[in-house]
Amino acid sequence: MKADKTEVLLLLKTAKGHIEGIMRMVEDDRYCMDISNQIFAVEALMRKTNNVVLKAHLLSCVRDTAKNGDVDKKIDELVSLFNTLTK
């Protein structure tokens, strides 16, 4: 992985803390809308984390492969990922 591991791990630990908080909210029978808002916050944090990882992938793995002229496999990987995102 070429992404900044410190940044990625910090984002993931933050998401983990949010999820643990959501679990406590569920156990405490908190208001549904409050729980839902926290779930949206975790989803946004996970999207941000994924963006950091994917940007690093594009700037390193894909760029290096493009320089070598064999970029078809990387393009196929990205198309597959986009297909997953749009399901």
Foldseek 3Di string as FASTA:
>chain_A
DQFDPVVLVVLVVVLVVLVVVLVVCVVVVHDPVVSVVSVVVSVVSVVVSVVRVVVRCCVPVQVVCVVVVNNVVVVVVVVVVVVVVVD
